[in-house]
PDB file of all heavy atoms in Angstrom:
ATOM      1  N   GLY A   1       0.796  -1.272   0.038  1.00  0.00           N
ATOM      2  CA  GLY A   1      -0.032   0.058   0.058  1.00  0.00           C
ATOM      3  C   GLY A   1       0.897   1.167   0.008  1.00  0.00           C
ATOM      4  O   GLY A   1       1.910   1.355   0.694  1.00  0.00           O
ATOM      5  N   LEU A   2       0.489   2.284  -0.740  1.00  0.00           N
ATOM      6  CA  LEU A   2       1.086   3.535  -0.763  1.00  0.00           C
ATOM      7  C   LEU A   2       0.146   4.624  -0.582  1.00  0.00           C
ATOM      8  O   LEU A   2      -0.922   4.645  -1.270  1.00  0.00           O
ATOM      9  CB  LEU A   2       1.835   3.645  -2.109  1.00  0.00           C
ATOM     10  CG  LEU A   2       2.417   5.108  -2.539  1.00  0.00           C
ATOM     11  CD1 LEU A   2       3.360   5.540  -1.527  1.00  0.00           C
ATOM     12  CD2 LEU A   2       2.974   4.992  -3.972  1.00  0.00           C
ATOM     13  N   LEU A   3       0.562   5.600   0.209  1.00  0.00           N
ATOM     14  CA  LEU A   3      -0.312   6.772   0.321  1.00  0.00           C
ATOM     15  C   LEU A   3       0.683   7.982   0.341  1.00  0.00           C
ATOM     16  O   LEU A   3       1.747   7.962   0.830  1.00  0.00           O
ATOM     17  CB  LEU A   3      -1.133   6.757   1.580  1.00  0.00           C
ATOM     18  CG  LEU A   3      -0.522   6.965   2.954  1.00  0.00           C
ATOM     19  CD1 LEU A   3      -0.229   8.279   3.404  1.00  0.00           C
ATOM     20  CD2 LEU A   3      -1.281   6.142   3.978  1.00  0.00           C
ATOM     21  N   VAL A   4       0.152   9.077  -0.312  1.00  0.00           N
ATOM     22  CA  VAL A   4       0.835  10.291  -0.312  1.00  0.00           C
ATOM     23  C   VAL A   4      -0.002  11.334   0.462  1.00  0.00           C
ATOM     24  O   VAL A   4      -1.131  11.585   0.192  1.00  0.00           O
ATOM     25  CB  VAL A   4       1.061  10.942  -1.804  1.00  0.00           C
ATOM     26  CG1 VAL A   4       1.614  12.352  -1.771  1.00  0.00           C
ATOM     27  CG2 VAL A   4       1.981   9.969  -2.635  1.00  0.00           C
ATOM     28  N   GLN A   5       0.543  11.771   1.669  1.00  0.00           N
ATOM     29  CA  GLN A   5      -0.330  12.507   2.545  1.00  0.00           C
ATOM     30  C   GLN A   5      -0.547  13.838   1.876  1.00  0.00           C
ATOM     31  O   GLN A   5       0.281  14.546   1.449  1.00  0.00           O
ATOM     32  CB  GLN A   5       0.588  12.864   3.844  1.00  0.00           C
ATOM     33  CG  GLN A   5      -0.197  13.446   4.948  1.00  0.00           C
ATOM     34  CD  GLN A   5      -1.331  12.584   5.437  1.00  0.00           C
ATOM     35  OE1 GLN A   5      -1.169  11.453   5.708  1.00  0.00           O
ATOM     36  NE2 GLN A   5      -2.530  13.243   5.626  1.00  0.00           N
ATOM     37  N   LEU A   6      -1.849  14.193   1.873  1.00  0.00           N
ATOM     38  CA  LEU A   6      -2.354  15.365   1.250  1.00  0.00           C
ATOM     39  C   LEU A   6      -2.760  16.372   2.313  1.00  0.00           C
ATOM     40  O   LEU A   6      -3.042  16.016   3.466  1.00  0.00           O
ATOM     41  CB  LEU A   6      -3.547  15.296   0.391  1.00  0.00           C
ATOM     42  CG  LEU A   6      -3.371  14.187  -0.724  1.00  0.00           C
ATOM     43  CD1 LEU A   6      -4.572  13.936  -1.556  1.00  0.00           C
ATOM     44  CD2 LEU A   6      -2.249  14.607  -1.679  1.00  0.00           C
ATOM     45  N   PRO A   7      -2.677  17.659   2.077  1.00  0.00           N
ATOM     46  CA  PRO A   7      -2.375  18.316   0.749  1.00  0.00           C
ATOM     47  C   PRO A   7      -0.852  18.436   0.556  1.00  0.00           C
ATOM     48  O   PRO A   7      -0.085  18.415   1.458  1.00  0.00           O
ATOM     49  CB  PRO A   7      -2.941  19.708   0.918  1.00  0.00           C
ATOM     50  CG  PRO A   7      -2.936  20.010   2.424  1.00  0.00           C
ATOM     51  CD  PRO A   7      -3.076  18.797   3.099  1.00  0.00           C
ATOM     52  N   LEU A   8      -0.591  18.565  -0.781  1.00  0.00           N
ATOM     53  CA  LEU A   8       0.806  18.805  -1.109  1.00  0.00           C
ATOM     54  C   LEU A   8       1.148  20.276  -1.371  1.00  0.00           C
ATOM     55  O   LEU A   8       0.100  21.058  -1.523  1.00  0.00           O
ATOM     56  CB  LEU A   8       0.993  18.067  -2.548  1.00  0.00           C
ATOM     57  CG  LEU A   8       1.070  16.542  -2.533  1.00  0.00           C
ATOM     58  CD1 LEU A   8       0.959  16.008  -4.043  1.00  0.00           C
ATOM     59  CD2 LEU A   8       2.167  15.980  -1.812  1.00  0.00           C
ATOM     60  N   PRO A   9       2.280  20.759  -1.365  1.00  0.00           N
ATOM     61  CA  PRO A   9       2.632  22.169  -1.580  1.00  0.00           C
ATOM     62  C   PRO A   9       2.086  22.565  -2.961  1.00  0.00           C
ATOM     63  O   PRO A   9       1.900  21.670  -3.909  1.00  0.00           O
ATOM     64  CB  PRO A   9       4.204  22.190  -1.609  1.00  0.00           C
ATOM     65  CG  PRO A   9       4.584  20.940  -0.607  1.00  0.00           C
ATOM     66  CD  PRO A   9       3.456  19.947  -0.969  1.00  0.00           C
ATOM     67  N   ALA A  10       1.830  23.830  -3.153  1.00  0.00           N
ATOM     68  CA  ALA A  10       1.174  24.302  -4.222  1.00  0.00           C
ATOM     69  C   ALA A  10       1.938  24.007  -5.602  1.00  0.00           C
ATOM     70  O   ALA A  10       1.367  23.971  -6.697  1.00  0.00           O
ATOM     71  CB  ALA A  10       0.907  25.791  -4.205  1.00  0.00           C
ATOM     72  N   HIS A  11       3.221  23.868  -5.525  1.00  0.00           N
ATOM     73  CA  HIS A  11       3.999  23.703  -6.823  1.00  0.00           C
ATOM     74  C   HIS A  11       3.912  22.306  -7.414  1.00  0.00           C
ATOM     75  O   HIS A  11       4.530  22.102  -8.441  1.00  0.00           O
ATOM     76  CB  HIS A  11       5.479  24.180  -6.611  1.00  0.00           C
ATOM     77  CG  HIS A  11       6.195  23.274  -5.731  1.00  0.00           C
ATOM     78  ND1 HIS A  11       6.183  23.288  -4.445  1.00  0.00           N
ATOM     79  CD2 HIS A  11       7.145  22.322  -5.996  1.00  0.00           C
ATOM     80  CE1 HIS A  11       7.021  22.323  -3.868  1.00  0.00           C
ATOM     81  NE2 HIS A  11       7.588  21.644  -4.800  1.00  0.00           N
ATOM     82  N   LEU A  12       3.438  21.369  -6.561  1.00  0.00           N
ATOM     83  CA  LEU A  12       3.243  20.026  -6.976  1.00  0.00           C
ATOM     84  C   LEU A  12       1.820  19.759  -7.460  1.00  0.00           C
ATOM     85  O   LEU A  12       0.895  20.356  -6.853  1.00  0.00           O
ATOM     86  CB  LEU A  12       3.613  19.034  -5.793  1.00  0.00           C
ATOM     87  CG  LEU A  12       5.058  19.212  -5.262  1.00  0.00           C
ATOM     88  CD1 LEU A  12       5.258  18.308  -4.132  1.00  0.00           C
ATOM     89  CD2 LEU A  12       6.019  18.748  -6.434  1.00  0.00           C
ATOM     90  N   SER A  13       1.666  18.747  -8.391  1.00  0.00           N
ATOM     91  CA  SER A  13       0.345  18.529  -9.018  1.00  0.00           C
ATOM     92  C   SER A  13      -0.247  17.386  -8.225  1.00  0.00           C
ATOM     93  O   SER A  13       0.265  16.257  -8.329  1.00  0.00           O
ATOM     94  CB  SER A  13       0.469  18.057 -10.394  1.00  0.00           C
ATOM     95  OG  SER A  13      -0.803  17.632 -10.873  1.00  0.00           O
ATOM     96  N   THR A  14      -1.164  17.658  -7.370  1.00  0.00           N
ATOM     97  CA  THR A  14      -1.867  16.590  -6.579  1.00  0.00           C
ATOM     98  C   THR A  14      -2.511  15.457  -7.480  1.00  0.00           C
ATOM     99  O   THR A  14      -2.396  14.324  -7.407  1.00  0.00           O
ATOM    100  CB  THR A  14      -2.933  17.177  -5.674  1.00  0.00           C
ATOM    101  OG1 THR A  14      -2.307  18.053  -4.712  1.00  0.00           O
ATOM    102  CG2 THR A  14      -3.710  16.061  -4.972  1.00  0.00           C
ATOM    103  N   ARG A  15      -3.211  16.048  -8.634  1.00  0.00           N
ATOM    104  CA  ARG A  15      -3.883  15.150  -9.448  1.00  0.00           C
ATOM    105  C   ARG A  15      -2.905  14.174 -10.130  1.00  0.00           C
ATOM    106  O   ARG A  15      -3.096  13.044 -10.300  1.00  0.00           O
ATOM    107  CB  ARG A  15      -4.594  15.935 -10.490  1.00  0.00           C
ATOM    108  CG  ARG A  15      -5.311  15.150 -11.591  1.00  0.00           C
ATOM    109  CD  ARG A  15      -6.065  16.036 -12.587  1.00  0.00           C
ATOM    110  NE  ARG A  15      -6.691  15.237 -13.502  1.00  0.00           N
ATOM    111  CZ  ARG A  15      -7.363  15.747 -14.551  1.00  0.00           C
ATOM    112  NH1 ARG A  15      -7.529  17.047 -14.802  1.00  0.00           N
ATOM    113  NH2 ARG A  15      -7.961  15.010 -15.501  1.00  0.00           N
ATOM    114  N   HIS A  16      -1.786  14.759 -10.533  1.00  0.00           N
ATOM    115  CA  HIS A  16      -0.787  13.920 -11.196  1.00  0.00           C
ATOM    116  C   HIS A  16      -0.178  12.774 -10.364  1.00  0.00           C
ATOM    117  O   HIS A  16      -0.083  11.745 -10.680  1.00  0.00           O
ATOM    118  CB  HIS A  16       0.362  14.825 -11.769  1.00  0.00           C
ATOM    119  CG  HIS A  16       1.531  14.019 -12.293  1.00  0.00           C
ATOM    120  ND1 HIS A  16       1.551  13.501 -13.525  1.00  0.00           N
ATOM    121  CD2 HIS A  16       2.749  13.688 -11.708  1.00  0.00           C
ATOM    122  CE1 HIS A  16       2.635  12.883 -13.858  1.00  0.00           C
ATOM    123  NE2 HIS A  16       3.412  12.997 -12.729  1.00  0.00           N
ATOM    124  N   VAL A  17       0.049  13.171  -9.003  1.00  0.00           N
ATOM    125  CA  VAL A  17       0.630  12.345  -8.048  1.00  0.00           C
ATOM    126  C   VAL A  17      -0.353  11.198  -7.774  1.00  0.00           C
ATOM    127  O   VAL A  17       0.002   9.936  -7.693  1.00  0.00           O
ATOM    128  CB  VAL A  17       1.031  13.043  -6.819  1.00  0.00           C
ATOM    129  CG1 VAL A  17       1.443  11.988  -5.764  1.00  0.00           C
ATOM    130  CG2 VAL A  17       2.230  14.030  -7.167  1.00  0.00           C
ATOM    131  N   VAL A  18      -1.567  11.590  -7.534  1.00  0.00           N
ATOM    132  CA  VAL A  18      -2.607  10.539  -7.170  1.00  0.00           C
ATOM    133  C   VAL A  18      -2.824   9.529  -8.351  1.00  0.00           C
ATOM    134  O   VAL A  18      -2.832   8.420  -8.002  1.00  0.00           O
ATOM    135  CB  VAL A  18      -3.929  11.271  -6.828  1.00  0.00           C
ATOM    136  CG1 VAL A  18      -5.062  10.225  -6.731  1.00  0.00           C
ATOM    137  CG2 VAL A  18      -3.796  11.995  -5.465  1.00  0.00           C
ATOM    138  N   GLN A  19      -2.838   9.996  -9.528  1.00  0.00           N
ATOM    139  CA  GLN A  19      -2.945   9.180 -10.609  1.00  0.00           C
ATOM    140  C   GLN A  19      -1.692   8.316 -10.933  1.00  0.00           C
ATOM    141  O   GLN A  19      -1.801   7.377 -11.765  1.00  0.00           O
ATOM    142  CB  GLN A  19      -3.406   9.897 -11.904  1.00  0.00           C
ATOM    143  CG  GLN A  19      -4.719  10.627 -11.784  1.00  0.00           C
ATOM    144  CD  GLN A  19      -5.876   9.886 -11.145  1.00  0.00           C
ATOM    145  OE1 GLN A  19      -6.034   8.691 -11.483  1.00  0.00           O
ATOM    146  NE2 GLN A  19      -6.546  10.465 -10.202  1.00  0.00           N
ATOM    147  N   SER A  20      -0.527   8.725 -10.354  1.00  0.00           N
ATOM    148  CA  SER A  20       0.640   7.970 -10.615  1.00  0.00           C
ATOM    149  C   SER A  20       0.739   6.687  -9.681  1.00  0.00           C
ATOM    150  O   SER A  20       1.485   5.735 -10.067  1.00  0.00           O
ATOM    151  CB  SER A  20       1.847   8.909 -10.278  1.00  0.00           C
ATOM    152  OG  SER A  20       1.915   9.926 -11.222  1.00  0.00           O
ATOM    153  N   ILE A  21      -0.063   6.707  -8.623  1.00  0.00           N
ATOM    154  CA  ILE A  21      -0.075   5.475  -7.815  1.00  0.00           C
ATOM    155  C   ILE A  21      -0.942   4.534  -8.438  1.00  0.00           C
ATOM    156  O   ILE A  21      -2.001   4.604  -8.897  1.00  0.00           O
ATOM    157  CB  ILE A  21      -0.728   5.868  -6.382  1.00  0.00           C
ATOM    158  CG1 ILE A  21       0.028   7.068  -5.746  1.00  0.00           C
ATOM    159  CG2 ILE A  21      -0.766   4.587  -5.494  1.00  0.00           C
ATOM    160  CD1 ILE A  21      -0.550   7.540  -4.474  1.00  0.00           C
ATOM    161  N   ARG A  22      -0.400   3.227  -8.532  1.00  0.00           N
ATOM    162  CA  ARG A  22      -1.164   2.178  -9.127  1.00  0.00           C
ATOM    163  C   ARG A  22      -2.487   1.875  -8.376  1.00  0.00           C
ATOM    164  O   ARG A  22      -2.432   1.921  -7.135  1.00  0.00           O
ATOM    165  CB  ARG A  22      -0.335   0.823  -9.124  1.00  0.00           C
ATOM    166  CG  ARG A  22       0.810   0.884 -10.117  1.00  0.00           C
ATOM    167  CD  ARG A  22       1.496  -0.415 -10.264  1.00  0.00           C
ATOM    168  NE  ARG A  22       2.645  -0.379 -11.111  1.00  0.00           N
ATOM    169  CZ  ARG A  22       3.602  -1.300 -11.197  1.00  0.00           C
ATOM    170  NH1 ARG A  22       3.557  -2.312 -10.371  1.00  0.00           N
ATOM    171  NH2 ARG A  22       4.647  -1.155 -12.047  1.00  0.00           N
ATOM    172  N   ALA A  23      -3.529   1.719  -9.032  1.00  0.00           N
ATOM    173  CA  ALA A  23      -4.910   1.555  -8.404  1.00  0.00           C
ATOM    174  C   ALA A  23      -4.927   0.562  -7.381  1.00  0.00           C
ATOM    175  O   ALA A  23      -5.529   0.547  -6.327  1.00  0.00           O
ATOM    176  CB  ALA A  23      -5.942   1.292  -9.460  1.00  0.00           C
ATOM    177  N   GLU A  24      -4.189  -0.622  -7.651  1.00  0.00           N
ATOM    178  CA  GLU A  24      -4.137  -1.722  -6.724  1.00  0.00           C
ATOM    179  C   GLU A  24      -3.217  -1.551  -5.419  1.00  0.00           C
ATOM    180  O   GLU A  24      -3.356  -2.277  -4.554  1.00  0.00           O
ATOM    181  CB  GLU A  24      -3.669  -2.997  -7.389  1.00  0.00           C
ATOM    182  CG  GLU A  24      -2.255  -3.019  -8.036  1.00  0.00           C
ATOM    183  CD  GLU A  24      -2.315  -2.547  -9.392  1.00  0.00           C
ATOM    184  OE1 GLU A  24      -3.209  -1.786  -9.871  1.00  0.00           O
ATOM    185  OE2 GLU A  24      -1.282  -2.917 -10.198  1.00  0.00           O
ATOM    186  N   LYS A  25      -2.576  -0.427  -5.415  1.00  0.00           N
ATOM    187  CA  LYS A  25      -1.791   0.005  -4.205  1.00  0.00           C
ATOM    188  C   LYS A  25      -2.330   1.315  -3.573  1.00  0.00           C
ATOM    189  O   LYS A  25      -1.949   1.736  -2.580  1.00  0.00           O
ATOM    190  CB  LYS A  25      -0.307   0.242  -4.625  1.00  0.00           C
ATOM    191  CG  LYS A  25       0.532  -1.091  -4.853  1.00  0.00           C
ATOM    192  CD  LYS A  25       1.949  -0.970  -4.801  1.00  0.00           C
ATOM    193  CE  LYS A  25       2.700  -2.284  -5.126  1.00  0.00           C
ATOM    194  NZ  LYS A  25       4.221  -2.138  -4.958  1.00  0.00           N
ATOM    195  N   ASP A  26      -3.345   1.792  -4.196  1.00  0.00           N
ATOM    196  CA  ASP A  26      -3.996   3.095  -3.883  1.00  0.00           C
ATOM    197  C   ASP A  26      -4.873   2.880  -2.657  1.00  0.00           C
ATOM    198  O   ASP A  26      -6.156   2.954  -2.733  1.00  0.00           O
ATOM    199  CB  ASP A  26      -4.764   3.626  -5.078  1.00  0.00           C
ATOM    200  CG  ASP A  26      -5.611   4.914  -4.780  1.00  0.00           C
ATOM    201  OD1 ASP A  26      -5.152   5.755  -3.867  1.00  0.00           O
ATOM    202  OD2 ASP A  26      -6.750   5.034  -5.195  1.00  0.00           O
ATOM    203  N   VAL A  27      -4.241   2.651  -1.497  1.00  0.00           N
ATOM    204  CA  VAL A  27      -5.121   2.440  -0.330  1.00  0.00           C
ATOM    205  C   VAL A  27      -5.850   3.554   0.227  1.00  0.00           C
ATOM    206  O   VAL A  27      -6.824   3.478   1.000  1.00  0.00           O
ATOM    207  CB  VAL A  27      -4.237   1.849   0.940  1.00  0.00           C
ATOM    208  CG1 VAL A  27      -3.648   0.392   0.536  1.00  0.00           C
ATOM    209  CG2 VAL A  27      -2.975   2.751   1.241  1.00  0.00           C
ATOM    210  N   ASP A  28      -5.553   4.749  -0.231  1.00  0.00           N
ATOM    211  CA  ASP A  28      -6.370   5.975  -0.003  1.00  0.00           C
ATOM    212  C   ASP A  28      -7.710   5.968  -0.792  1.00  0.00           C
ATOM    213  O   ASP A  28      -8.697   6.631  -0.492  1.00  0.00           O
ATOM    214  CB  ASP A  28      -5.685   7.286  -0.194  1.00  0.00           C
ATOM    215  CG  ASP A  28      -4.863   7.744   0.953  1.00  0.00           C
ATOM    216  OD1 ASP A  28      -5.470   7.567   2.121  1.00  0.00           O
ATOM    217  OD2 ASP A  28      -3.830   8.509   0.837  1.00  0.00           O
ATOM    218  N   GLY A  29      -7.654   5.173  -1.875  1.00  0.00           N
ATOM    219  CA  GLY A  29      -8.834   5.126  -2.723  1.00  0.00           C
ATOM    220  C   GLY A  29      -9.110   6.325  -3.560  1.00  0.00           C
ATOM    221  O   GLY A  29     -10.325   6.578  -3.934  1.00  0.00           O
ATOM    222  N   PHE A  30      -8.052   7.044  -3.897  1.00  0.00           N
ATOM    223  CA  PHE A  30      -8.288   8.303  -4.661  1.00  0.00           C
ATOM    224  C   PHE A  30      -8.012   8.223  -6.148  1.00  0.00           C
ATOM    225  O   PHE A  30      -8.429   9.130  -6.903  1.00  0.00           O
ATOM    226  CB  PHE A  30      -7.161   9.374  -4.188  1.00  0.00           C
ATOM    227  CG  PHE A  30      -7.483   9.774  -2.689  1.00  0.00           C
ATOM    228  CD1 PHE A  30      -6.391  10.400  -2.022  1.00  0.00           C
ATOM    229  CD2 PHE A  30      -8.674   9.739  -2.076  1.00  0.00           C
ATOM    230  CE1 PHE A  30      -6.527  10.790  -0.713  1.00  0.00           C
ATOM    231  CE2 PHE A  30      -8.814  10.119  -0.728  1.00  0.00           C
ATOM    232  CZ  PHE A  30      -7.705  10.595  -0.087  1.00  0.00           C
ATOM    233  N   HIS A  31      -7.554   7.049  -6.585  1.00  0.00           N
ATOM    234  CA  HIS A  31      -7.182   6.948  -7.938  1.00  0.00           C
ATOM    235  C   HIS A  31      -8.479   6.979  -8.876  1.00  0.00           C
ATOM    236  O   HIS A  31      -9.556   6.458  -8.378  1.00  0.00           O
ATOM    237  CB  HIS A  31      -6.441   5.601  -8.250  1.00  0.00           C
ATOM    238  CG  HIS A  31      -5.907   5.535  -9.548  1.00  0.00           C
ATOM    239  ND1 HIS A  31      -6.612   5.164 -10.727  1.00  0.00           N
ATOM    240  CD2 HIS A  31      -4.583   5.623  -9.997  1.00  0.00           C
ATOM    241  CE1 HIS A  31      -5.788   5.160 -11.813  1.00  0.00           C
ATOM    242  NE2 HIS A  31      -4.539   5.406 -11.437  1.00  0.00           N
ATOM    243  N   ALA A  32      -8.442   7.431 -10.012  1.00  0.00           N
ATOM    244  CA  ALA A  32      -9.574   7.694 -10.891  1.00  0.00           C
ATOM    245  C   ALA A  32     -10.277   6.294 -11.125  1.00  0.00           C
ATOM    246  O   ALA A  32     -11.513   6.355 -11.341  1.00  0.00           O
ATOM    247  CB  ALA A  32      -9.268   8.402 -12.205  1.00  0.00           C
ATOM    248  N   GLU A  33      -9.498   5.312 -11.264  1.00  0.00           N
ATOM    249  CA  GLU A  33     -10.066   3.911 -11.476  1.00  0.00           C
ATOM    250  C   GLU A  33     -10.928   3.559 -10.290  1.00  0.00           C
ATOM    251  O   GLU A  33     -11.993   3.003 -10.419  1.00  0.00           O
ATOM    252  CB  GLU A  33      -9.000   2.948 -11.762  1.00  0.00           C
ATOM    253  CG  GLU A  33      -9.572   1.557 -12.100  1.00  0.00           C
ATOM    254  CD  GLU A  33      -8.348   0.495 -12.414  1.00  0.00           C
ATOM    255  OE1 GLU A  33      -7.313   0.983 -12.707  1.00  0.00           O
ATOM    256  OE2 GLU A  33      -8.664  -0.608 -12.367  1.00  0.00           O
TER     257      GLU A  33
END
């Protein structure tokens, strides 16, 4: 399982980071899938 603690600093793309996590490791449940 991988989680990225939100919120991120403004210069980073939250949307990009969340979608970069594989859906099957996205234990936060935020991935678009």
